[in-house]
């Protein structure tokens, strides 16, 4: 089991929560980004720097993550790819992507992208809050507990 982080847009506080969980449970973490990252202070954390490109990090994660891994991403198309492979994906705001909801989330994302492109809607998601951080930490703990229990 490994934790994968789509690191380009992942909030720093989410990475820190994942690093603490990694140390506590001794689960390796791989950060994937297309720009240079600060070194993590743990033997369990590795980084992969991919080439520049809109989906290079997503492609790397989708190709290398196994079904028993957990992927942390806000990128809905990447989450859809992971779920289609039988994997587990978690949003940095704590929402678990599943077969039941990822299609709807992808459709809504596409609709909002079209509406923004037409100038009918402006802005993006709400600013990251303390509630989001707490929800993520709780969801991460629940998922890791379940996934580690299933491995036994």
C-alpha atoms as a PDB file:
ATOM      1  CA  UNK A   1       0.000   0.000   0.000  1.00  0.00           C
ATOM      2  CA  UNK A   2       1.190   3.471  -0.902  1.00  0.00           C
ATOM      3  CA  UNK A   3      -0.222   6.989  -0.670  1.00  0.00           C
ATOM      4  CA  UNK A   4       0.039   9.068  -3.834  1.00  0.00           C
ATOM      5  CA  UNK A   5      -0.353  12.845  -3.765  1.00  0.00           C
ATOM      6  CA  UNK A   6      -1.121  14.880  -6.864  1.00  0.00           C
ATOM      7  CA  UNK A   7       1.200  17.513  -5.420  1.00  0.00           C
ATOM      8  CA  UNK A   8       1.040  20.472  -7.815  1.00  0.00           C
ATOM      9  CA  UNK A   9      -2.149  21.952  -6.359  1.00  0.00           C
ATOM     10  CA  UNK A  10      -2.434  20.082  -3.065  1.00  0.00           C
ATOM     11  CA  UNK A  11      -2.518  22.434  -0.059  1.00  0.00           C
ATOM     12  CA  UNK A  12       0.583  22.259   2.160  1.00  0.00           C
ATOM     13  CA  UNK A  13      -1.515  21.472   5.250  1.00  0.00           C
ATOM     14  CA  UNK A  14      -2.984  18.408   3.503  1.00  0.00           C
ATOM     15  CA  UNK A  15       0.518  17.153   2.688  1.00  0.00           C
ATOM     16  CA  UNK A  16       1.493  17.615   6.335  1.00  0.00           C
ATOM     17  CA  UNK A  17      -1.542  15.627   7.510  1.00  0.00           C
ATOM     18  CA  UNK A  18      -0.625  12.839   5.083  1.00  0.00           C
ATOM     19  CA  UNK A  19       3.019  12.862   6.238  1.00  0.00           C
ATOM     20  CA  UNK A  20       1.946  12.493   9.894  1.00  0.00           C
ATOM     21  CA  UNK A  21      -0.388   9.597   9.003  1.00  0.00           C
ATOM     22  CA  UNK A  22       2.399   8.014   6.959  1.00  0.00           C
ATOM     23  CA  UNK A  23       4.794   8.114   9.916  1.00  0.00           C
ATOM     24  CA  UNK A  24       2.172   6.857  12.362  1.00  0.00           C
ATOM     25  CA  UNK A  25       1.158   3.907  10.182  1.00  0.00           C
ATOM     26  CA  UNK A  26       4.464   3.366   8.336  1.00  0.00           C
ATOM     27  CA  UNK A  27       2.870   3.757   4.907  1.00  0.00           C
ATOM     28  CA  UNK A  28       5.026   5.160   2.079  1.00  0.00           C
ATOM     29  CA  UNK A  29       4.022   8.374   0.290  1.00  0.00           C
ATOM     30  CA  UNK A  30       4.883   9.481  -3.236  1.00  0.00           C
ATOM     31  CA  UNK A  31       4.480  13.137  -4.216  1.00  0.00           C
ATOM     32  CA  UNK A  32       4.129  13.690  -7.960  1.00  0.00           C
ATOM     33  CA  UNK A  33       4.472  17.147  -9.514  1.00  0.00           C
ATOM     34  CA  UNK A  34       5.784  18.923 -12.576  1.00  0.00           C
ATOM     35  CA  UNK A  35       7.614  21.569 -10.557  1.00  0.00           C
ATOM     36  CA  UNK A  36      10.312  21.308  -7.929  1.00  0.00           C
ATOM     37  CA  UNK A  37       9.176  20.408  -4.391  1.00  0.00           C
ATOM     38  CA  UNK A  38      10.690  20.875  -0.941  1.00  0.00           C
ATOM     39  CA  UNK A  39      12.313  17.772   0.507  1.00  0.00           C
ATOM     40  CA  UNK A  40      10.227  15.892   3.054  1.00  0.00           C
ATOM     41  CA  UNK A  41      11.959  14.886   6.262  1.00  0.00           C
ATOM     42  CA  UNK A  42      10.999  11.226   6.217  1.00  0.00           C
ATOM     43  CA  UNK A  43      12.411   8.088   4.681  1.00  0.00           C
ATOM     44  CA  UNK A  44       8.804   7.141   3.810  1.00  0.00           C
ATOM     45  CA  UNK A  45       8.281  10.123   1.490  1.00  0.00           C
ATOM     46  CA  UNK A  46       9.573  10.153  -2.072  1.00  0.00           C
ATOM     47  CA  UNK A  47       9.063  12.680  -4.843  1.00  0.00           C
ATOM     48  CA  UNK A  48       8.705  12.267  -8.573  1.00  0.00           C
ATOM     49  CA  UNK A  49       9.301  15.262 -10.796  1.00  0.00           C
ATOM     50  CA  UNK A  50       7.560  14.748 -14.151  1.00  0.00           C
ATOM     51  CA  UNK A  51       7.986  16.775 -17.310  1.00  0.00           C
ATOM     52  CA  UNK A  52       5.973  19.936 -17.873  1.00  0.00           C
ATOM     53  CA  UNK A  53       2.541  19.335 -19.299  1.00  0.00           C
ATOM     54  CA  UNK A  54      -1.075  19.627 -18.280  1.00  0.00           C
ATOM     55  CA  UNK A  55      -1.576  15.948 -17.411  1.00  0.00           C
ATOM     56  CA  UNK A  56       1.964  14.637 -16.887  1.00  0.00           C
ATOM     57  CA  UNK A  57       1.592  14.192 -13.110  1.00  0.00           C
ATOM     58  CA  UNK A  58      -1.880  12.679 -13.537  1.00  0.00           C
ATOM     59  CA  UNK A  59      -0.592  10.247 -16.157  1.00  0.00           C
ATOM     60  CA  UNK A  60       2.280   9.155 -13.916  1.00  0.00           C
ATOM     61  CA  UNK A  61      -0.026   8.524 -10.967  1.00  0.00           C
ATOM     62  CA  UNK A  62      -2.675   6.743 -13.052  1.00  0.00           C
ATOM     63  CA  UNK A  63      -0.049   4.466 -14.630  1.00  0.00           C
ATOM     64  CA  UNK A  64       1.751   3.623 -11.392  1.00  0.00           C
ATOM     65  CA  UNK A  65      -0.878   3.546  -8.641  1.00  0.00           C
ATOM     66  CA  UNK A  66      -2.110   0.081  -7.724  1.00  0.00           C
ATOM     67  CA  UNK A  67      -5.685  -0.747  -6.640  1.00  0.00           C
ATOM     68  CA  UNK A  68      -4.510  -1.118  -3.021  1.00  0.00           C
ATOM     69  CA  UNK A  69      -3.080   2.431  -3.025  1.00  0.00           C
ATOM     70  CA  UNK A  70      -4.781   5.664  -1.989  1.00  0.00           C
ATOM     71  CA  UNK A  71      -4.549   8.683  -4.305  1.00  0.00           C
ATOM     72  CA  UNK A  72      -5.106  12.179  -2.940  1.00  0.00           C
ATOM     73  CA  UNK A  73      -6.205  14.561  -5.675  1.00  0.00           C
ATOM     74  CA  UNK A  74      -8.612  17.371  -6.433  1.00  0.00           C
ATOM     75  CA  UNK A  75      -8.362  16.490 -10.116  1.00  0.00           C
ATOM     76  CA  UNK A  76     -11.647  14.778 -10.966  1.00  0.00           C
ATOM     77  CA  UNK A  77     -10.483  13.239 -14.282  1.00  0.00           C
ATOM     78  CA  UNK A  78      -7.537  11.654 -12.445  1.00  0.00           C
ATOM     79  CA  UNK A  79      -9.865  10.404  -9.702  1.00  0.00           C
ATOM     80  CA  UNK A  80     -12.116   8.889 -12.375  1.00  0.00           C
ATOM     81  CA  UNK A  81      -9.129   7.050 -13.874  1.00  0.00           C
ATOM     82  CA  UNK A  82      -8.111   5.711 -10.463  1.00  0.00           C
ATOM     83  CA  UNK A  83     -11.647   4.571  -9.580  1.00  0.00           C
ATOM     84  CA  UNK A  84     -11.990   2.899 -13.014  1.00  0.00           C
ATOM     85  CA  UNK A  85      -8.838   0.870 -12.207  1.00  0.00           C
ATOM     86  CA  UNK A  86     -10.450  -0.275  -8.955  1.00  0.00           C
ATOM     87  CA  UNK A  87      -8.386   2.132  -6.853  1.00  0.00           C
ATOM     88  CA  UNK A  88      -9.273   4.591  -4.120  1.00  0.00           C
ATOM     89  CA  UNK A  89      -9.142   8.375  -4.507  1.00  0.00           C
ATOM     90  CA  UNK A  90      -9.741  11.050  -1.885  1.00  0.00           C
ATOM     91  CA  UNK A  91     -10.310  14.770  -2.425  1.00  0.00           C
ATOM     92  CA  UNK A  92      -8.228  17.177  -0.262  1.00  0.00           C
ATOM     93  CA  UNK A  93     -11.539  18.383   1.195  1.00  0.00           C
ATOM     94  CA  UNK A  94     -12.266  14.871   2.461  1.00  0.00           C
ATOM     95  CA  UNK A  95     -14.705  13.545  -0.131  1.00  0.00           C
ATOM     96  CA  UNK A  96     -14.128   9.978  -1.244  1.00  0.00           C
ATOM     97  CA  UNK A  97     -14.478   9.445  -4.984  1.00  0.00           C
ATOM     98  CA  UNK A  98     -16.484   6.291  -5.728  1.00  0.00           C
ATOM     99  CA  UNK A  99     -17.987   4.551  -8.736  1.00  0.00           C
ATOM    100  CA  UNK A 100     -21.321   6.035  -7.653  1.00  0.00           C
ATOM    101  CA  UNK A 101     -20.228   9.687  -7.514  1.00  0.00           C
ATOM    102  CA  UNK A 102     -17.211  10.221  -9.755  1.00  0.00           C
ATOM    103  CA  UNK A 103     -19.239  10.273 -12.982  1.00  0.00           C
ATOM    104  CA  UNK A 104     -21.569  12.942 -11.599  1.00  0.00           C
ATOM    105  CA  UNK A 105     -18.607  14.960 -10.307  1.00  0.00           C
ATOM    106  CA  UNK A 106     -16.938  14.750 -13.725  1.00  0.00           C
ATOM    107  CA  UNK A 107     -20.126  15.882 -15.493  1.00  0.00           C
ATOM    108  CA  UNK A 108     -20.553  18.798 -13.077  1.00  0.00           C
ATOM    109  CA  UNK A 109     -16.918  19.800 -13.564  1.00  0.00           C
ATOM    110  CA  UNK A 110     -17.353  19.807 -17.339  1.00  0.00           C
ATOM    111  CA  UNK A 111     -20.572  21.831 -17.096  1.00  0.00           C
ATOM    112  CA  UNK A 112     -18.974  24.431 -14.823  1.00  0.00           C
ATOM    113  CA  UNK A 113     -15.972  24.654 -17.164  1.00  0.00           C
ATOM    114  CA  UNK A 114     -18.337  25.364 -20.078  1.00  0.00           C
ATOM    115  CA  UNK A 115     -20.279  27.964 -18.079  1.00  0.00           C
ATOM    116  CA  UNK A 116     -17.049  29.708 -17.037  1.00  0.00           C
ATOM    117  CA  UNK A 117     -15.847  29.646 -20.640  1.00  0.00           C
ATOM    118  CA  UNK A 118     -19.084  31.298 -21.761  1.00  0.00           C
ATOM    119  CA  UNK A 119     -18.750  33.932 -19.016  1.00  0.00           C
ATOM    120  CA  UNK A 120     -21.943  32.784 -17.284  1.00  0.00           C
ATOM    121  CA  UNK A 121     -20.195  31.746 -14.061  1.00  0.00           C
ATOM    122  CA  UNK A 122     -17.096  33.179 -12.458  1.00  0.00           C
ATOM    123  CA  UNK A 123     -14.744  31.936  -9.786  1.00  0.00           C
ATOM    124  CA  UNK A 124     -13.798  28.502  -8.629  1.00  0.00           C
ATOM    125  CA  UNK A 125     -14.126  26.459  -5.485  1.00  0.00           C
ATOM    126  CA  UNK A 126     -14.435  28.126  -2.092  1.00  0.00           C
ATOM    127  CA  UNK A 127     -11.266  28.914  -0.179  1.00  0.00           C
ATOM    128  CA  UNK A 128      -9.806  25.988   1.769  1.00  0.00           C
ATOM    129  CA  UNK A 129     -11.126  26.117   5.355  1.00  0.00           C
ATOM    130  CA  UNK A 130     -10.466  24.618   8.781  1.00  0.00           C
ATOM    131  CA  UNK A 131     -13.589  22.473   8.307  1.00  0.00           C
ATOM    132  CA  UNK A 132     -12.134  21.130   5.030  1.00  0.00           C
ATOM    133  CA  UNK A 133      -8.880  20.267   6.792  1.00  0.00           C
ATOM    134  CA  UNK A 134     -10.717  18.462   9.614  1.00  0.00           C
ATOM    135  CA  UNK A 135     -12.964  16.599   7.178  1.00  0.00           C
ATOM    136  CA  UNK A 136      -9.913  15.483   5.184  1.00  0.00           C
ATOM    137  CA  UNK A 137      -8.033  14.286   8.287  1.00  0.00           C
ATOM    138  CA  UNK A 138     -11.062  12.304   9.427  1.00  0.00           C
ATOM    139  CA  UNK A 139     -11.671  10.781   5.972  1.00  0.00           C
ATOM    140  CA  UNK A 140      -7.990   9.911   5.560  1.00  0.00           C
ATOM    141  CA  UNK A 141      -7.905   8.192   8.940  1.00  0.00           C
ATOM    142  CA  UNK A 142     -11.082   6.217   8.152  1.00  0.00           C
ATOM    143  CA  UNK A 143      -9.809   5.142   4.725  1.00  0.00           C
ATOM    144  CA  UNK A 144      -6.354   4.137   5.929  1.00  0.00           C
ATOM    145  CA  UNK A 145      -7.816   2.162   8.820  1.00  0.00           C
ATOM    146  CA  UNK A 146     -10.172   0.325   6.470  1.00  0.00           C
ATOM    147  CA  UNK A 147      -7.516  -0.290   3.811  1.00  0.00           C
ATOM    148  CA  UNK A 148      -4.930  -1.545   6.306  1.00  0.00           C
ATOM    149  CA  UNK A 149      -7.517  -3.828   7.943  1.00  0.00           C
ATOM    150  CA  UNK A 150      -8.408  -5.281   4.518  1.00  0.00           C
ATOM    151  CA  UNK A 151      -4.736  -6.115   3.882  1.00  0.00           C
ATOM    152  CA  UNK A 152      -4.592  -8.425   6.900  1.00  0.00           C
END
